Structures are given as structure tokens and as C-alpha cells.
Amino acid sequence: MRAWAELLRVSALFSVPGDALAGAAAVGRRPGRGTVLAAGASLCLYEAGMALNDWADRDEDAVDRPHRPIPSGRVSPAAALGAAGALTAAGLALAARAGRPALTVATGLAATVWAYDLRLKHTKAGPAAMAAARSLDLLLGATATATGASAGLPAGDGGRPDNVAGTGGTSATTAARTSGVLAPVLPALPAALVLGAHTYGVTAVSRHEAQGGSTGTPLAVLATTAALAAAVAGERRGRGLSGPAHTTPSAPGAPAHTTPGAPGPALTTPGAPGTRHVATGAFGAPAHAPGAGHATPAPTRTTHAPPGERPASAAFARLPALVAGAADDPGRLLTLGLTAAYVRTAAPPLLHAALNPSPPLTQRAVGGGIRAMIPLQAALAARAGAPVTGLAVMGLVPLARSLARKVSPT
């Protein structure tokens, strides 16, 4: 069992469920059955990638890391490859239970994982492939959650029976359902890109973990970490990293009206299946009760970096002003606190690796980047107006830290 725990890097598993939860928060939904299925699919596909990674790297590991399970003889190459195939099949099966849109995203995710391990890992496209995989994982949670919520509604437009005979009515209904599934997922794209950008940096650093020797890469990723933290902690402008637009219910049976660009999570009819009703918009943005017909965006402040200041230092310089502006908003303070935890987890190991780019310190930087995904997911969920989800995701940190002492995540 110890050999399989090392092969699958089980201590890194705790960085996975937060993708689905952050995706659900980004589309303004409470976690539901679809979210659970997406998290299960993500865990299976993640572990499939781990097993396939060691199978593909077995010859390289025999030279650089002979203690790994396959080169040391504790796990056979055939068993590792078989596990990768079985876990991939299990992940796709779970995604299929969440609906066809979720299966489509999961198929793309699985294809990206296999392409990375077998072809792209040692090419310039490697970090981009891993970033795409993590972004797709968050979108899988968003898609499965939104699809599950939509599946609970009666067929037809707004719950009304389709009285139009022939294929025209069926096509219109199908188009409406497709639009109804895709539209709520779009607000999750910014969060997916943030998580993908962080993953790109971690993967770029990991390419030097066996030999070491890179100073510029950890420094560049450190600057990226600061920029991502500033983006997540910053005030919303337009849609940006905000949650989905506010939805105002109309008369029974009529389609809901949406106000584009309103900050905060979706406002939906209380009690609607799979939805979360929020009395106020995220970060103190005023939210109107259902039926008000519009939402007023929160006032924004623009902070300019001094001339000649580097982007990373400018990002850190903004933090005191952000904290002062959030003093009266608990939700915003929570987002800032979770963002600070993200920086605290990712930044110091990167700085150490930049100062001394030895293999052990580079591996610590990679491990810190993997663990930092958890507070980043939590911050994205809190920013989207789901503080409870954010705190639940953050609760995985002690578990990940405890298991990392026994099994290395790299």
C-alpha cells in the first residue's frame, strides 16, 4: 500500500476537490449531486495522471529517482498502466452520470492528461497542457453543477409544456436547454484561468526539480503569484472575476431576465433546486430582492502603481489599501485572508528556490505550489459569494499538510 500511495501521490489529492467546489461557487450554485460526481471524476482522472506519469517516466526515474515505486520494483509498469486506464474509465463514468455536458468536459480533461504524460511533458507545450487540465477540472465542476440544477427543472421553456407539434418545437427546446446549460458556466471562465495560470507556474518550476539550476523560473512564478493574488483580492470591475450576473425572476412560466455585468453570485428564486439565494452581493455590492429587475454595481476604486514600479511589487503594495477598504465587509475580509494564505503557502518556497536552485529546494517550491492551490480555490469560492464553501475547502489544508509529511506530493 505504501508503494501505491507514493505512486499516486495521495497527499496531493486534497488539492483536487476544491476545483469542483470553486466551479460550483463561480456559477452561483450550492454544491449538489453534480458537484459530488464532478469531484469524484476529478479525483479519478487526477490519480490516473499520476500513475501514467510514473509509467511514462520509468526509464528517466531509474536514473534520477531510483527510489520511485516503478524503478525500485515495488510496482510493476503493467500494473501502473492498468491502474491509469481503470481510473480514467472510472472518472469518465462518474462524469457521465452528471450529464452529457459534464462528460464532454471530462473527456477533454482526460485527453489532456494523457497527452501531457505521453507526449507533451518534455516539450514547451507541457506547462500549458497542465494549465489547461486544471482549468478544465474547475469547469467540470461548474458544468456538472449547472447541469444538475437544470435537470431538476420541468421540460420546456420556463417549465411550460411545449405545445408546438413537429421537430421545430423539439429543436427550439433543445437549443434552449443547451443555452441554459452553457450560459451559467461562462462566469466560471475567469476563475478557471486564474487556477490555470497558477498551475502553469508550478509545472514550469517542476521541470527543474530533478536537476535544479533555474533561478529565473522561480522568480517569474513568484511575480505571477503576486499578480494572481492581486487579481483575486482586488475589487470587482464589470464581470471580471465576479460571479454570474444577477437573475431576476419574472412571472411564472416566463424566462428569467438577466442583468449583465452585475457583481456577485446569481440571485434566484428562494427554494429553487440547486440554487443559492444571497441577500447581498459579494464584497458589499447591493443586491436587489427578486423582482426588483436590476442590480446596482458596487462603487470601485482605481489604484495605479507608481511609475517604474514592477508588477509584482505593485501587487503587494496594493494589499494594505485593499484590507482598509474591506474593513466593513466580512466576506471581502475572508477573501483577503484566504488570498494571503495562498501567498504565504506559495511564495516563500519559490523565493528559497530562486536564491538556491538546488533540487531539494526546487521540489519544496513545487510542493508548496501544489498545496497553495487549496487556499487559492478557497479564495475564488469566497470571492464568488460562497464563504462557507471557501472555508470548507480551506479545511483540507491541515489534512494535506499532515499527509505530505508521510508521502511526498512530488
Protein backbone atom coordinates (compact mmCIF):
# COMPACT_ATOMS: atom_id res chain seq x y z
CA MET A 1 0.00 0.00 0.00
CA ARG A 2 2.86 2.37 0.74
CA ALA A 3 4.21 1.92 -2.78
CA TRP A 4 0.82 2.72 -4.34
CA ALA A 5 0.41 5.74 -2.08
CA GLU A 6 3.75 7.03 -3.37
CA LEU A 7 2.90 6.21 -6.98
CA LEU A 8 -0.44 8.02 -6.80
CA ARG A 9 0.97 10.83 -4.62
CA VAL A 10 -2.08 10.69 -2.39
CA SER A 11 -1.02 13.73 -0.37
CA ALA A 12 -1.72 15.87 -3.46
CA LEU A 13 -5.29 14.57 -3.67
CA PHE A 14 -6.56 17.27 -1.34
CA SER A 15 -5.81 19.89 -4.00
CA VAL A 16 -8.47 18.35 -6.28
CA PRO A 17 -11.97 18.62 -4.68
CA GLY A 18 -11.64 22.39 -4.41
CA ASP A 19 -11.75 22.65 -8.21
CA ALA A 20 -15.33 21.34 -8.34
CA LEU A 21 -16.39 23.42 -5.33
CA ALA A 22 -14.86 26.60 -6.73
CA GLY A 23 -16.57 25.86 -10.05
CA ALA A 24 -19.93 25.49 -8.34
CA ALA A 25 -19.40 28.77 -6.48
CA ALA A 26 -18.39 30.55 -9.68
CA VAL A 27 -21.74 29.74 -11.29
CA GLY A 28 -23.68 30.82 -8.18
CA ARG A 29 -24.88 27.35 -7.19
CA ARG A 30 -24.77 25.41 -3.99
CA PRO A 31 -22.78 22.16 -4.24
CA GLY A 32 -25.11 19.33 -5.19
CA ARG A 33 -25.13 15.85 -6.65
CA GLY A 34 -23.45 17.06 -9.84
CA THR A 35 -20.68 18.69 -7.82
CA VAL A 36 -20.04 15.46 -5.93
CA LEU A 37 -19.90 13.48 -9.17
CA ALA A 38 -17.53 16.04 -10.70
CA ALA A 39 -15.25 15.87 -7.65
CA GLY A 40 -15.20 12.08 -7.86
CA ALA A 41 -14.42 12.18 -11.57
CA SER A 42 -11.65 14.72 -10.95
CA LEU A 43 -10.06 12.56 -8.26
CA CYS A 44 -10.07 9.52 -10.56
CA LEU A 45 -8.61 11.42 -13.52
CA TYR A 46 -6.00 13.09 -11.33
CA GLU A 47 -4.81 9.75 -9.97
CA ALA A 48 -4.87 8.28 -13.48
CA GLY A 49 -2.48 11.03 -14.50
CA MET A 50 -0.20 10.27 -11.56
CA ALA A 51 0.03 6.56 -12.41
CA LEU A 52 0.51 7.29 -16.10
CA ASN A 53 3.17 9.87 -15.29
CA ASP A 54 5.35 7.36 -13.45
CA TRP A 55 4.79 4.75 -16.15
CA ALA A 56 5.91 7.18 -18.85
CA ASP A 57 8.91 8.35 -16.78
CA ARG A 58 10.06 4.90 -15.60
CA ASP A 59 13.33 4.99 -17.57
CA GLU A 60 14.13 8.56 -16.53
CA ASP A 61 13.27 7.82 -12.89
CA ALA A 62 15.59 4.81 -12.94
CA VAL A 63 18.46 7.31 -13.29
CA ASP A 64 17.27 10.42 -11.44
CA ARG A 65 14.84 8.98 -8.86
CA PRO A 66 15.52 5.26 -8.40
CA HIS A 67 13.53 5.23 -5.15
CA ARG A 68 10.23 5.76 -7.02
CA PRO A 69 7.85 2.77 -6.92
CA ILE A 70 8.36 1.55 -10.50
CA PRO A 71 12.18 1.72 -10.83
CA SER A 72 12.55 0.26 -7.33
CA GLY A 73 10.43 -2.72 -8.37
CA ARG A 74 7.66 -2.20 -5.82
CA VAL A 75 5.05 -1.57 -8.56
CA SER A 76 5.26 -3.15 -12.00
CA PRO A 77 4.96 -0.98 -15.11
CA ALA A 78 2.00 -3.06 -16.32
CA ALA A 79 0.15 -2.53 -13.04
CA ALA A 80 0.72 1.23 -13.17
CA LEU A 81 -0.52 1.46 -16.75
CA GLY A 82 -3.53 -0.70 -15.95
CA ALA A 83 -4.38 1.50 -12.98
CA ALA A 84 -4.17 4.59 -15.19
CA GLY A 85 -6.62 3.07 -17.67
CA ALA A 86 -9.04 1.87 -14.98
CA LEU A 87 -9.04 5.21 -13.16
CA THR A 88 -9.64 7.08 -16.42
CA ALA A 89 -12.63 4.86 -17.19
CA ALA A 90 -13.99 5.36 -13.68
CA GLY A 91 -13.62 9.13 -13.95
CA LEU A 92 -15.47 9.26 -17.25
CA ALA A 93 -18.22 7.02 -15.89
CA LEU A 94 -18.78 9.34 -12.93
CA ALA A 95 -18.81 12.37 -15.22
CA ALA A 96 -21.38 10.66 -17.46
CA ARG A 97 -23.73 10.33 -14.50
CA ALA A 98 -23.56 14.11 -14.12
CA GLY A 99 -24.84 14.63 -17.68
CA ARG A 100 -23.60 14.82 -21.24
CA PRO A 101 -22.06 18.32 -20.93
CA ALA A 102 -20.03 17.17 -17.93
CA LEU A 103 -18.91 14.06 -19.82
CA THR A 104 -17.78 16.26 -22.72
CA VAL A 105 -15.61 18.38 -20.42
CA ALA A 106 -14.27 15.29 -18.62
CA THR A 107 -13.34 13.69 -21.95
CA GLY A 108 -11.33 16.77 -22.89
CA LEU A 109 -9.71 16.70 -19.45
CA ALA A 110 -8.77 13.02 -19.78
CA ALA A 111 -7.38 13.58 -23.27
CA THR A 112 -5.27 16.48 -21.97
CA VAL A 113 -3.90 14.39 -19.10
CA TRP A 114 -2.89 11.50 -21.36
CA ALA A 115 -1.43 13.84 -23.99
CA TYR A 116 0.66 15.58 -21.34
CA ASP A 117 2.06 12.39 -19.82
CA LEU A 118 2.75 10.61 -23.10
CA ARG A 119 3.77 13.42 -25.46
CA LEU A 120 3.77 16.98 -24.17
CA LYS A 121 5.51 16.78 -20.81
CA HIS A 122 9.02 17.39 -22.08
CA THR A 123 8.03 19.92 -24.73
CA LYS A 124 7.43 23.65 -24.49
CA ALA A 125 3.70 22.92 -24.51
CA GLY A 126 3.94 20.93 -21.27
CA PRO A 127 3.08 23.71 -18.78
CA ALA A 128 0.25 24.94 -21.00
CA ALA A 129 -1.21 21.43 -21.15
CA MET A 130 -1.18 21.11 -17.37
CA ALA A 131 -2.71 24.55 -17.02
CA ALA A 132 -5.47 23.54 -19.42
CA ALA A 133 -6.11 20.37 -17.42
CA ARG A 134 -6.57 22.29 -14.16
CA SER A 135 -8.80 24.88 -15.83
CA LEU A 136 -10.93 22.11 -17.34
CA ASP A 137 -11.20 20.50 -13.91
CA LEU A 138 -12.78 23.64 -12.46
CA LEU A 139 -15.06 23.94 -15.49
CA LEU A 140 -16.06 20.30 -14.98
CA GLY A 141 -17.35 21.20 -11.51
CA ALA A 142 -19.16 24.25 -12.88
CA THR A 143 -20.71 22.30 -15.75
CA ALA A 144 -21.80 19.34 -13.64
CA THR A 145 -23.33 21.61 -11.00
CA ALA A 146 -25.17 23.78 -13.52
CA THR A 147 -26.35 20.74 -15.49
CA GLY A 148 -27.60 19.05 -12.35
CA ALA A 149 -29.56 22.13 -11.34
CA SER A 150 -31.06 22.47 -14.82
CA ALA A 151 -32.01 18.81 -14.92
CA GLY A 152 -34.30 19.31 -11.96
CA LEU A 153 -36.49 21.78 -13.87
CA PRO A 154 -39.52 20.75 -15.93
CA ALA A 155 -39.01 20.34 -19.64
CA GLY A 156 -39.71 23.22 -21.95
CA ASP A 157 -39.18 26.95 -21.74
CA GLY A 158 -39.63 28.18 -18.20
CA GLY A 159 -41.35 24.95 -17.18
CA ARG A 160 -44.21 25.29 -19.65
CA PRO A 161 -45.22 22.27 -21.74
CA ASP A 162 -44.24 22.51 -25.40
CA ASN A 163 -47.48 22.76 -27.35
CA VAL A 164 -45.79 23.11 -30.75
CA ALA A 165 -46.06 19.96 -32.82
CA GLY A 166 -43.29 18.67 -35.06
CA THR A 167 -39.50 18.86 -34.94
CA GLY A 168 -39.37 22.64 -34.85
CA GLY A 169 -40.58 22.72 -31.25
CA THR A 170 -38.13 19.97 -30.30
CA SER A 171 -35.22 21.85 -31.87
CA ALA A 172 -36.20 25.05 -30.11
CA THR A 173 -36.43 23.20 -26.80
CA THR A 174 -33.06 21.53 -27.34
CA ALA A 175 -31.45 24.87 -28.20
CA ALA A 176 -32.99 26.45 -25.13
CA ARG A 177 -31.68 23.66 -22.91
CA THR A 178 -28.19 23.92 -24.43
CA SER A 179 -28.17 27.69 -23.93
CA GLY A 180 -29.49 27.24 -20.40
CA VAL A 181 -26.60 24.92 -19.53
CA LEU A 182 -23.78 26.85 -21.21
CA ALA A 183 -24.75 30.35 -20.13
CA PRO A 184 -24.38 29.75 -16.35
CA VAL A 185 -20.93 28.18 -16.88
CA LEU A 186 -19.42 31.23 -18.59
CA PRO A 187 -18.83 33.15 -15.32
CA ALA A 188 -16.53 30.29 -14.22
CA LEU A 189 -14.05 31.02 -17.02
CA PRO A 190 -12.10 33.77 -15.17
CA ALA A 191 -11.64 31.55 -12.10
CA ALA A 192 -10.56 28.68 -14.35
CA LEU A 193 -7.97 30.91 -15.99
CA VAL A 194 -6.59 32.03 -12.62
CA LEU A 195 -6.21 28.44 -11.47
CA GLY A 196 -4.69 27.52 -14.82
CA ALA A 197 -2.14 30.34 -14.59
CA HIS A 198 -1.05 29.14 -11.15
CA THR A 199 -0.74 25.58 -12.46
CA TYR A 200 1.34 26.79 -15.39
CA GLY A 201 3.84 28.29 -12.96
CA VAL A 202 4.02 25.20 -10.75
CA THR A 203 4.60 23.00 -13.80
CA ALA A 204 7.30 25.32 -15.12
CA VAL A 205 9.18 25.06 -11.82
CA SER A 206 8.70 21.29 -11.67
CA ARG A 207 10.66 20.84 -14.88
CA HIS A 208 13.81 21.65 -12.87
CA GLU A 209 13.05 19.63 -9.72
CA ALA A 210 15.31 16.70 -10.63
CA GLN A 211 18.41 18.67 -11.68
CA GLY A 212 17.79 22.13 -10.20
CA GLY A 213 19.74 25.06 -11.54
CA SER A 214 16.99 27.53 -12.51
CA THR A 215 16.80 30.92 -10.78
CA GLY A 216 14.75 32.86 -13.31
CA THR A 217 11.79 30.45 -13.37
CA PRO A 218 11.02 30.62 -9.61
CA LEU A 219 11.35 34.42 -9.71
CA ALA A 220 8.97 34.67 -12.66
CA VAL A 221 6.47 32.36 -10.95
CA LEU A 222 6.79 34.41 -7.75
CA ALA A 223 5.79 37.52 -9.71
CA THR A 224 2.89 35.59 -11.24
CA THR A 225 1.77 34.53 -7.77
CA ALA A 226 1.70 38.16 -6.64
CA ALA A 227 -0.27 39.19 -9.73
CA LEU A 228 -2.83 36.41 -9.28
CA ALA A 229 -3.23 37.29 -5.61
CA ALA A 230 -3.86 40.93 -6.51
CA ALA A 231 -6.41 39.89 -9.14
CA VAL A 232 -8.34 37.67 -6.71
CA ALA A 233 -8.16 40.13 -3.83
CA GLY A 234 -8.90 43.20 -5.94
CA GLU A 235 -12.29 44.83 -6.25
CA ARG A 236 -14.57 43.66 -9.00
CA ARG A 237 -14.95 45.76 -12.10
CA GLY A 238 -17.65 44.71 -14.52
CA ARG A 239 -17.76 40.93 -14.75
CA GLY A 240 -14.02 40.27 -14.46
CA LEU A 241 -13.57 37.66 -11.75
CA SER A 242 -17.08 38.28 -10.48
CA GLY A 243 -19.77 35.71 -10.14
CA PRO A 244 -22.57 35.23 -12.62
CA ALA A 245 -24.96 38.02 -13.48
CA HIS A 246 -27.98 38.59 -11.29
CA THR A 247 -31.10 36.81 -12.39
CA THR A 248 -34.49 38.37 -11.76
CA PRO A 249 -37.46 36.00 -11.94
CA SER A 250 -40.44 37.14 -13.96
CA ALA A 251 -43.97 35.92 -13.96
CA PRO A 252 -44.46 32.16 -13.60
CA GLY A 253 -43.57 30.36 -16.80
CA ALA A 254 -41.70 33.32 -18.33
CA PRO A 255 -37.94 33.23 -18.89
CA ALA A 256 -35.86 34.99 -16.27
CA HIS A 257 -34.31 38.37 -17.08
CA THR A 258 -30.59 38.77 -16.55
CA THR A 259 -28.65 41.94 -15.88
CA PRO A 260 -25.18 41.50 -17.44
CA GLY A 261 -22.14 42.56 -15.52
CA ALA A 262 -23.72 42.76 -12.09
CA PRO A 263 -21.20 41.69 -9.49
CA GLY A 264 -21.83 38.86 -7.14
CA PRO A 265 -23.49 35.46 -7.35
CA ALA A 266 -26.75 34.84 -9.09
CA LEU A 267 -29.91 35.85 -7.30
CA THR A 268 -32.58 33.26 -7.84
CA THR A 269 -36.00 32.44 -6.53
CA PRO A 270 -35.74 31.13 -2.94
CA GLY A 271 -36.12 27.39 -2.84
CA ALA A 272 -35.30 26.80 -6.48
CA PRO A 273 -33.47 23.48 -6.78
CA GLY A 274 -29.69 23.71 -6.85
CA THR A 275 -29.54 27.48 -6.35
CA ARG A 276 -28.23 29.77 -3.64
CA HIS A 277 -30.18 32.86 -2.60
CA VAL A 278 -27.93 35.67 -1.46
CA ALA A 279 -29.34 38.76 0.24
CA THR A 280 -26.40 40.97 -0.68
CA GLY A 281 -23.87 40.86 -3.48
CA ALA A 282 -20.34 39.82 -2.83
CA PHE A 283 -17.95 42.38 -1.26
CA GLY A 284 -20.81 44.58 -0.16
CA ALA A 285 -22.31 45.16 -3.60
CA PRO A 286 -26.01 45.97 -3.07
CA ALA A 287 -28.23 43.21 -4.39
CA HIS A 288 -31.89 43.74 -5.08
CA ALA A 289 -34.51 41.32 -3.95
CA PRO A 290 -36.07 39.05 -6.57
CA GLY A 291 -38.40 41.01 -8.76
CA ALA A 292 -36.55 44.29 -8.49
CA GLY A 293 -35.44 43.93 -12.08
CA HIS A 294 -31.91 45.28 -11.81
CA ALA A 295 -28.75 45.31 -9.73
CA THR A 296 -26.51 48.25 -8.90
CA PRO A 297 -22.77 47.55 -9.13
CA ALA A 298 -20.61 48.37 -6.15
CA PRO A 299 -18.50 51.52 -6.40
CA THR A 300 -14.95 50.88 -7.49
CA ARG A 301 -11.62 52.43 -6.73
CA THR A 302 -8.73 52.52 -9.15
CA THR A 303 -5.22 52.06 -7.77
CA HIS A 304 -2.28 52.95 -10.00
CA ALA A 305 1.23 51.71 -9.39
CA PRO A 306 3.91 54.38 -9.11
CA PRO A 307 5.89 54.99 -12.34
CA GLY A 308 8.57 52.38 -12.89
CA GLU A 309 7.31 50.04 -10.20
CA ARG A 310 7.49 46.34 -11.08
CA PRO A 311 4.15 44.49 -11.41
CA ALA A 312 4.90 42.09 -8.53
CA SER A 313 5.85 44.84 -6.08
CA ALA A 314 2.88 46.91 -7.22
CA ALA A 315 0.59 43.98 -6.49
CA PHE A 316 1.95 43.61 -2.95
CA ALA A 317 1.82 47.39 -2.43
CA ARG A 318 -1.93 47.38 -3.07
CA LEU A 319 -2.70 44.90 -0.27
CA PRO A 320 -2.86 47.42 2.63
CA ALA A 321 -5.32 49.58 0.69
CA LEU A 322 -7.43 46.51 -0.13
CA VAL A 323 -7.55 45.50 3.54
CA ALA A 324 -8.53 49.01 4.62
CA GLY A 325 -11.31 49.12 2.03
CA ALA A 326 -12.72 45.78 3.22
CA ALA A 327 -12.89 46.63 6.91
CA ASP A 328 -16.70 46.73 6.94
CA ASP A 329 -17.26 43.70 4.71
CA PRO A 330 -16.71 40.27 6.35
CA GLY A 331 -16.99 38.45 3.05
CA ARG A 332 -14.30 40.60 1.48
CA LEU A 333 -12.09 40.23 4.53
CA LEU A 334 -12.43 36.46 4.24
CA THR A 335 -11.38 36.63 0.60
CA LEU A 336 -8.35 38.72 1.51
CA GLY A 337 -7.43 36.32 4.32
CA LEU A 338 -7.65 33.30 2.03
CA THR A 339 -5.64 35.11 -0.63
CA ALA A 340 -2.99 35.92 1.96
CA ALA A 341 -2.87 32.22 2.88
CA TYR A 342 -2.32 31.43 -0.80
CA VAL A 343 0.63 33.83 -0.99
CA ARG A 344 2.03 32.58 2.32
CA THR A 345 1.95 28.98 1.07
CA ALA A 346 3.35 29.53 -2.42
CA ALA A 347 5.75 32.49 -2.15
CA PRO A 348 8.41 31.54 0.47
CA PRO A 349 9.40 28.21 -1.17
CA LEU A 350 9.64 29.97 -4.53
CA LEU A 351 11.92 32.63 -3.05
CA HIS A 352 14.12 29.98 -1.45
CA ALA A 353 14.35 28.10 -4.74
CA ALA A 354 15.31 31.31 -6.53
CA LEU A 355 18.07 32.04 -4.01
CA ASN A 356 19.35 28.46 -4.03
CA PRO A 357 18.06 26.49 -7.03
CA SER A 358 19.05 23.08 -5.70
CA PRO A 359 16.83 20.03 -6.40
CA PRO A 360 15.54 19.76 -2.78
CA LEU A 361 14.51 23.42 -2.61
CA THR A 362 13.02 23.27 -6.10
CA GLN A 363 10.97 20.24 -5.07
CA ARG A 364 9.78 22.16 -2.00
CA ALA A 365 8.70 25.01 -4.26
CA VAL A 366 6.70 22.55 -6.35
CA GLY A 367 5.13 21.03 -3.24
CA GLY A 368 4.28 24.49 -1.94
CA GLY A 369 2.67 25.36 -5.27
CA ILE A 370 0.54 22.22 -5.15
CA ARG A 371 -0.60 22.92 -1.59
CA ALA A 372 -1.23 26.59 -2.45
CA MET A 373 -3.96 25.50 -4.85
CA ILE A 374 -6.22 24.82 -1.87
CA PRO A 375 -6.26 28.38 -0.44
CA LEU A 376 -6.48 29.72 -3.99
CA GLN A 377 -9.58 27.61 -4.64
CA ALA A 378 -11.00 28.76 -1.31
CA ALA A 379 -10.34 32.42 -2.15
CA LEU A 380 -12.03 32.03 -5.54
CA ALA A 381 -15.08 30.46 -3.89
CA ALA A 382 -15.29 33.22 -1.26
CA ARG A 383 -14.90 35.89 -3.92
CA ALA A 384 -17.80 34.36 -5.83
CA GLY A 385 -20.04 34.83 -2.79
CA ALA A 386 -19.71 31.36 -1.21
CA PRO A 387 -17.84 31.92 2.08
CA VAL A 388 -18.96 28.63 3.59
CA THR A 389 -17.64 26.74 0.58
CA GLY A 390 -14.39 28.67 0.83
CA LEU A 391 -13.96 27.75 4.49
CA ALA A 392 -14.81 24.12 3.73
CA VAL A 393 -12.14 23.99 1.04
CA MET A 394 -9.64 25.63 3.38
CA GLY A 395 -10.36 22.87 5.89
CA LEU A 396 -8.47 20.50 3.60
CA VAL A 397 -5.17 22.27 4.27
CA PRO A 398 -4.36 20.54 7.61
CA LEU A 399 -5.14 17.16 6.06
CA ALA A 400 -2.91 17.85 3.07
CA ARG A 401 -0.09 19.11 5.29
CA SER A 402 -0.33 16.10 7.59
CA LEU A 403 -0.28 13.56 4.78
CA ALA A 404 2.51 15.39 2.96
CA ARG A 405 4.80 14.58 5.90
CA LYS A 406 4.31 10.88 5.11
CA VAL A 407 4.02 10.87 1.31
CA SER A 408 5.69 13.48 -0.88
CA PRO A 409 3.34 15.26 -3.32
CA THR A 410 6.13 15.49 -5.92
